[in-house]
Amino acid sequence: MKKLMVFSAAVCVALAFTSCKSSESAYKKAYEKAKAQEAANQQAETAQVQPVETYTPAVTPVTETPVTQTRVVDNSDNIVVRQEKLSVVDGAGLKNFSVVVGSFGVKANAEGLQQRLKAAGYGAQLGFNADRNMYRVIATTFDNKADAARSRDQLRSTYPDAWLLFAQ
């Protein structure tokens, strides 16, 4: 009985060692298959490359438009003033020079800033620039440039990007 058990164990060990052995031919087949696939991919890539086409940009002809009357704003004091066409959306109306403290693409955001300014005691107004599709939040508005510049300088402590607007 002992002999039979030892013999069975020896057969099992021999089978285990021979079945786990990988053959060199299997590795060789896998290597050749990978090389063939790589060569096929390279051929496909070279076939996809097309010659470069030259691009000639189209030039739009210059069209002359008639000159419209432009109002000249005195800038001898070197205070930068932007000129825009605004329509008042919410407010009493704009004077010549205004201080803009915010510009928004979304009306709800502009209204939120307008309400905060009103709560702080400013006569905030809301204007819309149709050319740029932007809502402008105007904190104060003045007839002369010097008063508007002083107001802008005061507002810059809270709103550092405040700027002057000459509404057309």
N, C-alpha and C. Protein backbone atom coordinates (compact mmCIF):
# COMPACT_ATOMS: atom_id res chain seq x y z
N MET A 1 0.81 -1.17 0.00
CA MET A 1 0.00 0.00 0.00
C MET A 1 0.87 1.25 0.00
N LYS A 2 1.91 1.23 0.77
CA LYS A 2 2.82 2.35 0.82
C LYS A 2 3.46 2.57 -0.53
N LYS A 3 3.81 1.50 -1.20
CA LYS A 3 4.46 1.60 -2.49
C LYS A 3 3.50 2.24 -3.50
N LEU A 4 2.26 1.82 -3.45
CA LEU A 4 1.26 2.35 -4.37
C LEU A 4 1.06 3.86 -4.13
N MET A 5 1.07 4.27 -2.92
CA MET A 5 0.91 5.68 -2.60
C MET A 5 2.11 6.50 -3.06
N VAL A 6 3.27 6.02 -2.86
CA VAL A 6 4.49 6.71 -3.28
C VAL A 6 4.50 6.80 -4.80
N PHE A 7 4.13 5.69 -5.47
CA PHE A 7 4.09 5.66 -6.93
C PHE A 7 3.07 6.68 -7.47
N SER A 8 1.91 6.76 -6.85
CA SER A 8 0.87 7.71 -7.27
C SER A 8 1.34 9.14 -7.07
N ALA A 9 1.99 9.41 -5.98
CA ALA A 9 2.50 10.75 -5.70
C ALA A 9 3.55 11.12 -6.72
N ALA A 10 4.42 10.17 -7.10
CA ALA A 10 5.47 10.43 -8.08
C ALA A 10 4.86 10.73 -9.44
N VAL A 11 3.80 10.00 -9.82
CA VAL A 11 3.13 10.24 -11.10
C VAL A 11 2.48 11.62 -11.09
N CYS A 12 1.85 11.98 -10.00
CA CYS A 12 1.21 13.30 -9.89
C CYS A 12 2.24 14.42 -10.00
N VAL A 13 3.38 14.27 -9.35
CA VAL A 13 4.44 15.28 -9.40
C VAL A 13 4.98 15.39 -10.82
N ALA A 14 5.17 14.26 -11.48
CA ALA A 14 5.69 14.27 -12.85
C ALA A 14 4.71 14.96 -13.79
N LEU A 15 3.41 14.67 -13.64
CA LEU A 15 2.40 15.31 -14.47
C LEU A 15 2.34 16.82 -14.22
N ALA A 16 2.47 17.21 -12.96
CA ALA A 16 2.41 18.62 -12.60
C ALA A 16 3.56 19.38 -13.25
N PHE A 17 4.75 18.82 -13.21
CA PHE A 17 5.90 19.51 -13.79
C PHE A 17 5.85 19.55 -15.32
N THR A 18 5.34 18.53 -15.93
CA THR A 18 5.31 18.52 -17.39
C THR A 18 4.17 19.37 -17.94
N SER A 19 3.07 19.51 -17.23
CA SER A 19 1.95 20.29 -17.74
C SER A 19 2.18 21.80 -17.60
N CYS A 20 3.00 22.25 -16.66
CA CYS A 20 3.25 23.68 -16.45
C CYS A 20 4.31 24.21 -17.39
N LYS A 21 5.00 23.37 -18.05
CA LYS A 21 6.08 23.79 -18.92
C LYS A 21 5.49 24.48 -20.16
N SER A 22 5.93 25.73 -20.40
CA SER A 22 5.46 26.42 -21.59
C SER A 22 6.41 26.12 -22.74
N SER A 23 5.83 26.06 -23.88
CA SER A 23 6.66 25.70 -25.03
C SER A 23 7.19 26.95 -25.71
N GLU A 24 8.35 26.81 -26.26
CA GLU A 24 9.00 27.92 -26.95
C GLU A 24 8.23 28.29 -28.21
N SER A 25 7.57 27.34 -28.80
CA SER A 25 6.83 27.60 -30.03
C SER A 25 5.63 28.52 -29.77
N ALA A 26 5.02 28.41 -28.59
CA ALA A 26 3.89 29.28 -28.27
C ALA A 26 4.35 30.74 -28.17
N TYR A 27 5.50 30.98 -27.54
CA TYR A 27 6.05 32.33 -27.46
C TYR A 27 6.39 32.85 -28.84
N LYS A 28 6.95 32.00 -29.67
CA LYS A 28 7.35 32.39 -31.01
C LYS A 28 6.12 32.78 -31.84
N LYS A 29 5.04 32.04 -31.71
CA LYS A 29 3.80 32.34 -32.45
C LYS A 29 3.23 33.69 -32.00
N ALA A 30 3.22 33.94 -30.69
CA ALA A 30 2.68 35.20 -30.18
C ALA A 30 3.53 36.38 -30.65
N TYR A 31 4.85 36.20 -30.67
CA TYR A 31 5.76 37.25 -31.11
C TYR A 31 5.53 37.57 -32.59
N GLU A 32 5.41 36.55 -33.41
CA GLU A 32 5.19 36.75 -34.84
C GLU A 32 3.84 37.42 -35.11
N LYS A 33 2.83 37.05 -34.34
CA LYS A 33 1.50 37.65 -34.51
C LYS A 33 1.54 39.14 -34.15
N ALA A 34 2.24 39.50 -33.08
CA ALA A 34 2.37 40.89 -32.66
C ALA A 34 3.13 41.70 -33.70
N LYS A 35 4.19 41.13 -34.26
CA LYS A 35 4.97 41.81 -35.29
C LYS A 35 4.12 42.06 -36.54
N ALA A 36 3.32 41.08 -36.93
CA ALA A 36 2.46 41.21 -38.10
C ALA A 36 1.41 42.31 -37.87
N GLN A 37 0.85 42.36 -36.68
CA GLN A 37 -0.15 43.38 -36.37
C GLN A 37 0.49 44.78 -36.36
N GLU A 38 1.69 44.88 -35.82
CA GLU A 38 2.40 46.16 -35.80
C GLU A 38 2.70 46.65 -37.22
N ALA A 39 3.12 45.73 -38.08
CA ALA A 39 3.40 46.09 -39.47
C ALA A 39 2.12 46.55 -40.17
N ALA A 40 0.99 45.90 -39.90
CA ALA A 40 -0.28 46.27 -40.50
C ALA A 40 -0.70 47.67 -40.03
N ASN A 41 -0.49 47.96 -38.76
CA ASN A 41 -0.83 49.29 -38.23
C ASN A 41 0.02 50.38 -38.88
N GLN A 42 1.31 50.10 -39.09
CA GLN A 42 2.18 51.08 -39.73
C GLN A 42 1.76 51.34 -41.17
N GLN A 43 1.36 50.29 -41.87
CA GLN A 43 0.90 50.45 -43.24
C GLN A 43 -0.39 51.28 -43.28
N ALA A 44 -1.28 51.03 -42.32
CA ALA A 44 -2.53 51.79 -42.28
C ALA A 44 -2.27 53.26 -41.99
N GLU A 45 -1.31 53.55 -41.11
CA GLU A 45 -0.98 54.94 -40.79
C GLU A 45 -0.39 55.66 -41.99
N THR A 46 0.49 55.02 -42.71
CA THR A 46 1.09 55.66 -43.87
C THR A 46 0.07 55.84 -44.98
N ALA A 47 -0.92 54.95 -45.05
CA ALA A 47 -1.95 55.08 -46.07
C ALA A 47 -2.90 56.24 -45.75
N GLN A 48 -3.05 56.57 -44.45
CA GLN A 48 -3.97 57.64 -44.05
C GLN A 48 -3.36 59.03 -44.24
N VAL A 49 -2.06 59.16 -44.34
CA VAL A 49 -1.42 60.45 -44.51
C VAL A 49 -1.73 60.96 -45.91
N GLN A 50 -2.30 62.16 -45.98
CA GLN A 50 -2.67 62.73 -47.25
C GLN A 50 -1.81 63.95 -47.52
N PRO A 51 -1.67 64.32 -48.76
CA PRO A 51 -0.84 65.49 -49.06
C PRO A 51 -1.47 66.76 -48.47
N VAL A 52 -0.63 67.70 -48.11
CA VAL A 52 -1.06 68.95 -47.50
C VAL A 52 -1.64 69.85 -48.59
N GLU A 53 -2.83 70.35 -48.32
CA GLU A 53 -3.45 71.27 -49.26
C GLU A 53 -3.09 72.69 -48.86
N THR A 54 -2.87 73.52 -49.82
CA THR A 54 -2.57 74.91 -49.51
C THR A 54 -3.87 75.65 -49.29
N TYR A 55 -3.86 76.55 -48.34
CA TYR A 55 -5.06 77.31 -47.98
C TYR A 55 -4.86 78.75 -48.41
N THR A 56 -5.77 79.23 -49.19
CA THR A 56 -5.74 80.63 -49.60
C THR A 56 -6.87 81.36 -48.88
N PRO A 57 -6.51 82.28 -47.99
CA PRO A 57 -7.56 82.97 -47.24
C PRO A 57 -8.37 83.89 -48.14
N ALA A 58 -9.64 83.97 -47.84
CA ALA A 58 -10.52 84.86 -48.59
C ALA A 58 -10.39 86.26 -48.01
N VAL A 59 -10.28 87.23 -48.86
CA VAL A 59 -10.13 88.61 -48.42
C VAL A 59 -11.45 89.33 -48.68
N THR A 60 -11.97 89.95 -47.62
CA THR A 60 -13.22 90.68 -47.78
C THR A 60 -12.92 92.06 -48.35
N PRO A 61 -13.73 92.47 -49.28
CA PRO A 61 -13.48 93.79 -49.86
C PRO A 61 -13.80 94.89 -48.85
N VAL A 62 -13.09 95.96 -48.95
CA VAL A 62 -13.30 97.10 -48.07
C VAL A 62 -14.53 97.86 -48.56
N THR A 63 -15.45 98.08 -47.63
CA THR A 63 -16.63 98.84 -47.98
C THR A 63 -16.60 100.14 -47.20
N GLU A 64 -16.86 101.20 -47.88
CA GLU A 64 -16.83 102.50 -47.23
C GLU A 64 -18.21 102.82 -46.69
N THR A 65 -18.23 103.30 -45.45
CA THR A 65 -19.49 103.70 -44.83
C THR A 65 -19.45 105.21 -44.62
N PRO A 66 -20.57 105.85 -44.67
CA PRO A 66 -20.58 107.31 -44.49
C PRO A 66 -20.21 107.68 -43.06
N VAL A 67 -19.57 108.80 -42.93
CA VAL A 67 -19.14 109.29 -41.63
C VAL A 67 -20.34 109.89 -40.91
N THR A 68 -20.49 109.50 -39.65
CA THR A 68 -21.56 110.07 -38.84
C THR A 68 -20.96 111.10 -37.91
N GLN A 69 -21.78 111.93 -37.39
CA GLN A 69 -21.30 112.98 -36.50
C GLN A 69 -20.87 112.35 -35.19
N THR A 70 -19.68 112.69 -34.75
CA THR A 70 -19.13 112.15 -33.51
C THR A 70 -18.93 113.29 -32.53
N ARG A 71 -19.36 113.08 -31.32
CA ARG A 71 -19.20 114.10 -30.30
C ARG A 71 -17.83 113.92 -29.66
N VAL A 72 -17.05 114.95 -29.61
CA VAL A 72 -15.70 114.90 -29.07
C VAL A 72 -15.76 115.25 -27.59
N VAL A 73 -15.14 114.41 -26.79
CA VAL A 73 -15.10 114.64 -25.35
C VAL A 73 -13.71 115.14 -25.00
N ASP A 74 -13.65 116.23 -24.27
CA ASP A 74 -12.37 116.80 -23.88
C ASP A 74 -11.65 115.83 -22.94
N ASN A 75 -10.40 115.52 -23.26
CA ASN A 75 -9.64 114.60 -22.42
C ASN A 75 -8.32 115.24 -22.03
N SER A 76 -8.34 116.53 -21.75
CA SER A 76 -7.10 117.22 -21.38
C SER A 76 -6.61 116.80 -20.00
N ASP A 77 -7.47 116.21 -19.17
CA ASP A 77 -7.07 115.80 -17.83
C ASP A 77 -6.59 114.34 -17.78
N ASN A 78 -6.53 113.67 -18.92
CA ASN A 78 -6.04 112.28 -19.05
C ASN A 78 -6.83 111.27 -18.23
N ILE A 79 -8.09 111.52 -18.04
CA ILE A 79 -8.96 110.54 -17.38
C ILE A 79 -9.63 109.73 -18.47
N VAL A 80 -9.42 108.44 -18.42
CA VAL A 80 -9.94 107.56 -19.46
C VAL A 80 -11.46 107.43 -19.33
N VAL A 81 -12.14 107.63 -20.46
CA VAL A 81 -13.59 107.53 -20.49
C VAL A 81 -13.96 106.66 -21.69
N ARG A 82 -14.77 105.65 -21.46
CA ARG A 82 -15.27 104.82 -22.56
C ARG A 82 -16.56 105.40 -23.09
N GLN A 83 -16.75 105.26 -24.40
CA GLN A 83 -18.00 105.72 -25.01
C GLN A 83 -18.77 104.50 -25.48
N GLU A 84 -20.02 104.40 -25.06
CA GLU A 84 -20.87 103.29 -25.46
C GLU A 84 -22.30 103.78 -25.63
N LYS A 85 -23.03 103.04 -26.45
CA LYS A 85 -24.46 103.29 -26.58
C LYS A 85 -25.16 102.40 -25.57
N LEU A 86 -25.85 103.04 -24.64
CA LEU A 86 -26.56 102.29 -23.61
C LEU A 86 -28.03 102.66 -23.63
N SER A 87 -28.85 101.69 -23.35
CA SER A 87 -30.26 101.97 -23.11
C SER A 87 -30.52 101.62 -21.65
N VAL A 88 -31.18 102.51 -20.96
CA VAL A 88 -31.45 102.32 -19.53
C VAL A 88 -32.54 101.25 -19.39
N VAL A 89 -32.21 100.19 -18.63
CA VAL A 89 -33.15 99.11 -18.38
C VAL A 89 -33.91 99.37 -17.09
N ASP A 90 -33.19 99.84 -16.07
CA ASP A 90 -33.81 100.10 -14.78
C ASP A 90 -33.12 101.30 -14.15
N GLY A 91 -33.82 102.41 -14.05
CA GLY A 91 -33.23 103.58 -13.43
C GLY A 91 -33.91 104.85 -13.92
N ALA A 92 -33.47 105.97 -13.34
CA ALA A 92 -34.09 107.26 -13.63
C ALA A 92 -33.55 107.90 -14.91
N GLY A 93 -32.45 107.45 -15.40
CA GLY A 93 -31.86 108.04 -16.60
C GLY A 93 -30.42 108.43 -16.36
N LEU A 94 -29.63 108.44 -17.43
CA LEU A 94 -28.20 108.73 -17.31
C LEU A 94 -27.90 110.16 -17.69
N LYS A 95 -26.92 110.72 -17.00
CA LYS A 95 -26.39 112.03 -17.36
C LYS A 95 -25.19 111.78 -18.27
N ASN A 96 -24.39 112.81 -18.54
CA ASN A 96 -23.29 112.68 -19.49
C ASN A 96 -22.24 111.64 -19.08
N PHE A 97 -21.82 111.66 -17.80
CA PHE A 97 -20.76 110.77 -17.33
C PHE A 97 -21.29 109.87 -16.22
N SER A 98 -20.97 108.58 -16.32
CA SER A 98 -21.46 107.62 -15.34
C SER A 98 -20.30 106.76 -14.86
N VAL A 99 -20.45 106.22 -13.66
CA VAL A 99 -19.44 105.31 -13.11
C VAL A 99 -20.01 103.90 -13.15
N VAL A 100 -19.36 103.04 -13.93
CA VAL A 100 -19.79 101.65 -14.08
C VAL A 100 -18.96 100.80 -13.13
N VAL A 101 -19.63 100.00 -12.30
CA VAL A 101 -18.92 99.15 -11.34
C VAL A 101 -19.02 97.67 -11.68
N GLY A 102 -19.84 97.31 -12.64
CA GLY A 102 -19.96 95.91 -13.01
C GLY A 102 -20.55 95.74 -14.40
N SER A 103 -20.08 94.72 -15.10
CA SER A 103 -20.58 94.37 -16.43
C SER A 103 -20.90 92.89 -16.43
N PHE A 104 -22.11 92.55 -16.86
CA PHE A 104 -22.56 91.16 -16.80
C PHE A 104 -23.25 90.76 -18.09
N GLY A 105 -23.11 89.52 -18.44
CA GLY A 105 -23.81 88.96 -19.59
C GLY A 105 -25.19 88.47 -19.19
N VAL A 106 -25.37 88.20 -17.91
CA VAL A 106 -26.64 87.69 -17.39
C VAL A 106 -27.32 88.80 -16.60
N LYS A 107 -28.55 89.10 -16.97
CA LYS A 107 -29.28 90.22 -16.36
C LYS A 107 -29.48 90.00 -14.86
N ALA A 108 -29.74 88.78 -14.42
CA ALA A 108 -29.98 88.50 -13.00
C ALA A 108 -28.76 88.86 -12.16
N ASN A 109 -27.56 88.60 -12.68
CA ASN A 109 -26.34 88.96 -11.94
C ASN A 109 -26.21 90.47 -11.82
N ALA A 110 -26.52 91.19 -12.89
CA ALA A 110 -26.45 92.64 -12.87
C ALA A 110 -27.47 93.21 -11.88
N GLU A 111 -28.67 92.64 -11.86
CA GLU A 111 -29.69 93.11 -10.93
C GLU A 111 -29.28 92.87 -9.49
N GLY A 112 -28.59 91.78 -9.23
CA GLY A 112 -28.11 91.49 -7.87
C GLY A 112 -27.15 92.55 -7.38
N LEU A 113 -26.18 92.94 -8.24
CA LEU A 113 -25.24 93.99 -7.86
C LEU A 113 -25.97 95.34 -7.72
N GLN A 114 -26.93 95.60 -8.58
CA GLN A 114 -27.70 96.84 -8.50
C GLN A 114 -28.42 96.93 -7.15
N GLN A 115 -29.01 95.84 -6.70
CA GLN A 115 -29.72 95.84 -5.41
C GLN A 115 -28.75 96.08 -4.25
N ARG A 116 -27.55 95.49 -4.33
CA ARG A 116 -26.56 95.73 -3.27
C ARG A 116 -26.15 97.20 -3.22
N LEU A 117 -25.98 97.81 -4.39
CA LEU A 117 -25.62 99.23 -4.43
C LEU A 117 -26.75 100.10 -3.88
N LYS A 118 -27.98 99.77 -4.22
CA LYS A 118 -29.12 100.53 -3.70
C LYS A 118 -29.19 100.41 -2.19
N ALA A 119 -28.91 99.21 -1.67
CA ALA A 119 -28.93 99.00 -0.22
C ALA A 119 -27.82 99.79 0.46
N ALA A 120 -26.71 100.04 -0.29
CA ALA A 120 -25.61 100.82 0.26
C ALA A 120 -25.84 102.33 0.12
N GLY A 121 -26.96 102.74 -0.50
CA GLY A 121 -27.29 104.15 -0.58
C GLY A 121 -26.99 104.80 -1.92
N TYR A 122 -26.59 104.06 -2.90
CA TYR A 122 -26.34 104.63 -4.23
C TYR A 122 -27.61 104.58 -5.07
N GLY A 123 -27.71 105.49 -6.01
CA GLY A 123 -28.83 105.49 -6.95
C GLY A 123 -28.48 104.62 -8.15
N ALA A 124 -28.24 103.36 -7.92
CA ALA A 124 -27.76 102.45 -8.96
C ALA A 124 -28.79 102.28 -10.07
N GLN A 125 -28.27 102.20 -11.29
CA GLN A 125 -29.10 102.00 -12.47
C GLN A 125 -28.53 100.85 -13.29
N LEU A 126 -29.36 100.34 -14.15
CA LEU A 126 -28.96 99.22 -14.99
C LEU A 126 -29.10 99.63 -16.45
N GLY A 127 -28.02 99.49 -17.22
CA GLY A 127 -28.03 99.83 -18.63
C GLY A 127 -27.68 98.61 -19.46
N PHE A 128 -28.10 98.61 -20.73
CA PHE A 128 -27.81 97.49 -21.61
C PHE A 128 -27.10 97.99 -22.86
N ASN A 129 -25.95 97.39 -23.15
CA ASN A 129 -25.19 97.69 -24.35
C ASN A 129 -25.50 96.60 -25.36
N ALA A 130 -26.33 96.91 -26.35
CA ALA A 130 -26.76 95.91 -27.34
C ALA A 130 -25.61 95.46 -28.23
N ASP A 131 -24.64 96.35 -28.49
CA ASP A 131 -23.51 95.99 -29.35
C ASP A 131 -22.66 94.88 -28.75
N ARG A 132 -22.47 94.92 -27.45
CA ARG A 132 -21.65 93.92 -26.76
C ARG A 132 -22.47 92.88 -26.01
N ASN A 133 -23.78 93.08 -25.99
CA ASN A 133 -24.70 92.17 -25.29
C ASN A 133 -24.32 92.06 -23.81
N MET A 134 -24.10 93.22 -23.19
CA MET A 134 -23.68 93.26 -21.79
C MET A 134 -24.58 94.22 -21.01
N TYR A 135 -24.84 93.84 -19.76
CA TYR A 135 -25.57 94.70 -18.84
C TYR A 135 -24.55 95.45 -18.00
N ARG A 136 -24.68 96.76 -17.93
CA ARG A 136 -23.76 97.62 -17.17
C ARG A 136 -24.48 98.08 -15.90
N VAL A 137 -23.82 97.90 -14.76
CA VAL A 137 -24.36 98.37 -13.49
C VAL A 137 -23.70 99.71 -13.20
N ILE A 138 -24.52 100.76 -13.18
CA ILE A 138 -24.03 102.13 -13.01
C ILE A 138 -24.35 102.58 -11.59
N ALA A 139 -23.29 102.91 -10.85
CA ALA A 139 -23.46 103.30 -9.46
C ALA A 139 -23.90 104.76 -9.35
N THR A 140 -23.22 105.65 -10.07
CA THR A 140 -23.54 107.07 -10.00
C THR A 140 -23.46 107.67 -11.40
N THR A 141 -24.12 108.80 -11.61
CA THR A 141 -24.10 109.47 -12.91
C THR A 141 -24.03 110.98 -12.68
N PHE A 142 -23.22 111.69 -13.52
CA PHE A 142 -22.96 113.11 -13.32
C PHE A 142 -23.00 113.86 -14.64
N ASP A 143 -23.16 115.19 -14.54
CA ASP A 143 -23.13 116.03 -15.72
C ASP A 143 -21.70 116.35 -16.16
N ASN A 144 -20.77 116.42 -15.18
CA ASN A 144 -19.40 116.76 -15.58
C ASN A 144 -18.43 115.62 -15.23
N LYS A 145 -17.33 115.64 -15.94
CA LYS A 145 -16.34 114.57 -15.86
C LYS A 145 -15.59 114.56 -14.53
N ALA A 146 -15.28 115.71 -13.98
CA ALA A 146 -14.51 115.79 -12.74
C ALA A 146 -15.26 115.14 -11.58
N ASP A 147 -16.56 115.42 -11.46
CA ASP A 147 -17.35 114.81 -10.38
C ASP A 147 -17.43 113.29 -10.56
N ALA A 148 -17.58 112.86 -11.81
CA ALA A 148 -17.64 111.42 -12.08
C ALA A 148 -16.32 110.75 -11.73
N ALA A 149 -15.21 111.41 -12.02
CA ALA A 149 -13.89 110.84 -11.71
C ALA A 149 -13.70 110.72 -10.20
N ARG A 150 -14.14 111.73 -9.45
CA ARG A 150 -14.03 111.66 -7.98
C ARG A 150 -14.88 110.50 -7.43
N SER A 151 -16.07 110.37 -7.96
CA SER A 151 -16.94 109.28 -7.51
C SER A 151 -16.34 107.92 -7.85
N ARG A 152 -15.77 107.81 -9.06
CA ARG A 152 -15.12 106.55 -9.46
C ARG A 152 -13.97 106.21 -8.52
N ASP A 153 -13.17 107.21 -8.16
CA ASP A 153 -12.03 106.97 -7.27
C ASP A 153 -12.50 106.49 -5.89
N GLN A 154 -13.60 107.04 -5.39
CA GLN A 154 -14.15 106.58 -4.11
C GLN A 154 -14.68 105.15 -4.22
N LEU A 155 -15.35 104.85 -5.32
CA LEU A 155 -15.92 103.51 -5.49
C LEU A 155 -14.86 102.44 -5.73
N ARG A 156 -13.68 102.83 -6.19
CA ARG A 156 -12.63 101.84 -6.46
C ARG A 156 -12.12 101.15 -5.21
N SER A 157 -12.38 101.72 -4.03
CA SER A 157 -11.98 101.02 -2.81
C SER A 157 -12.79 99.73 -2.63
N THR A 158 -14.04 99.76 -3.07
CA THR A 158 -14.91 98.58 -2.99
C THR A 158 -14.95 97.83 -4.32
N TYR A 159 -14.97 98.57 -5.42
CA TYR A 159 -15.06 97.99 -6.77
C TYR A 159 -13.83 98.43 -7.56
N PRO A 160 -12.73 97.68 -7.49
CA PRO A 160 -11.46 98.13 -8.09
C PRO A 160 -11.51 98.28 -9.62
N ASP A 161 -12.46 97.66 -10.27
CA ASP A 161 -12.54 97.75 -11.73
C ASP A 161 -13.53 98.81 -12.20
N ALA A 162 -13.91 99.74 -11.35
CA ALA A 162 -14.87 100.79 -11.73
C ALA A 162 -14.27 101.66 -12.83
N TRP A 163 -15.10 102.08 -13.77
CA TRP A 163 -14.63 102.89 -14.89
C TRP A 163 -15.69 103.91 -15.29
N LEU A 164 -15.23 104.93 -16.04
CA LEU A 164 -16.10 106.01 -16.46
C LEU A 164 -16.70 105.71 -17.83
N LEU A 165 -17.97 106.09 -17.97
CA LEU A 165 -18.69 105.87 -19.21
C LEU A 165 -19.29 107.17 -19.70
N PHE A 166 -19.09 107.45 -20.98
CA PHE A 166 -19.78 108.56 -21.62
C PHE A 166 -20.87 107.94 -22.45
N ALA A 167 -22.12 108.07 -22.01
CA ALA A 167 -23.24 107.42 -22.68
C ALA A 167 -23.66 108.25 -23.88
N GLN A 168 -23.83 107.58 -24.98
CA GLN A 168 -24.25 108.25 -26.20
C GLN A 168 -25.74 108.16 -26.37
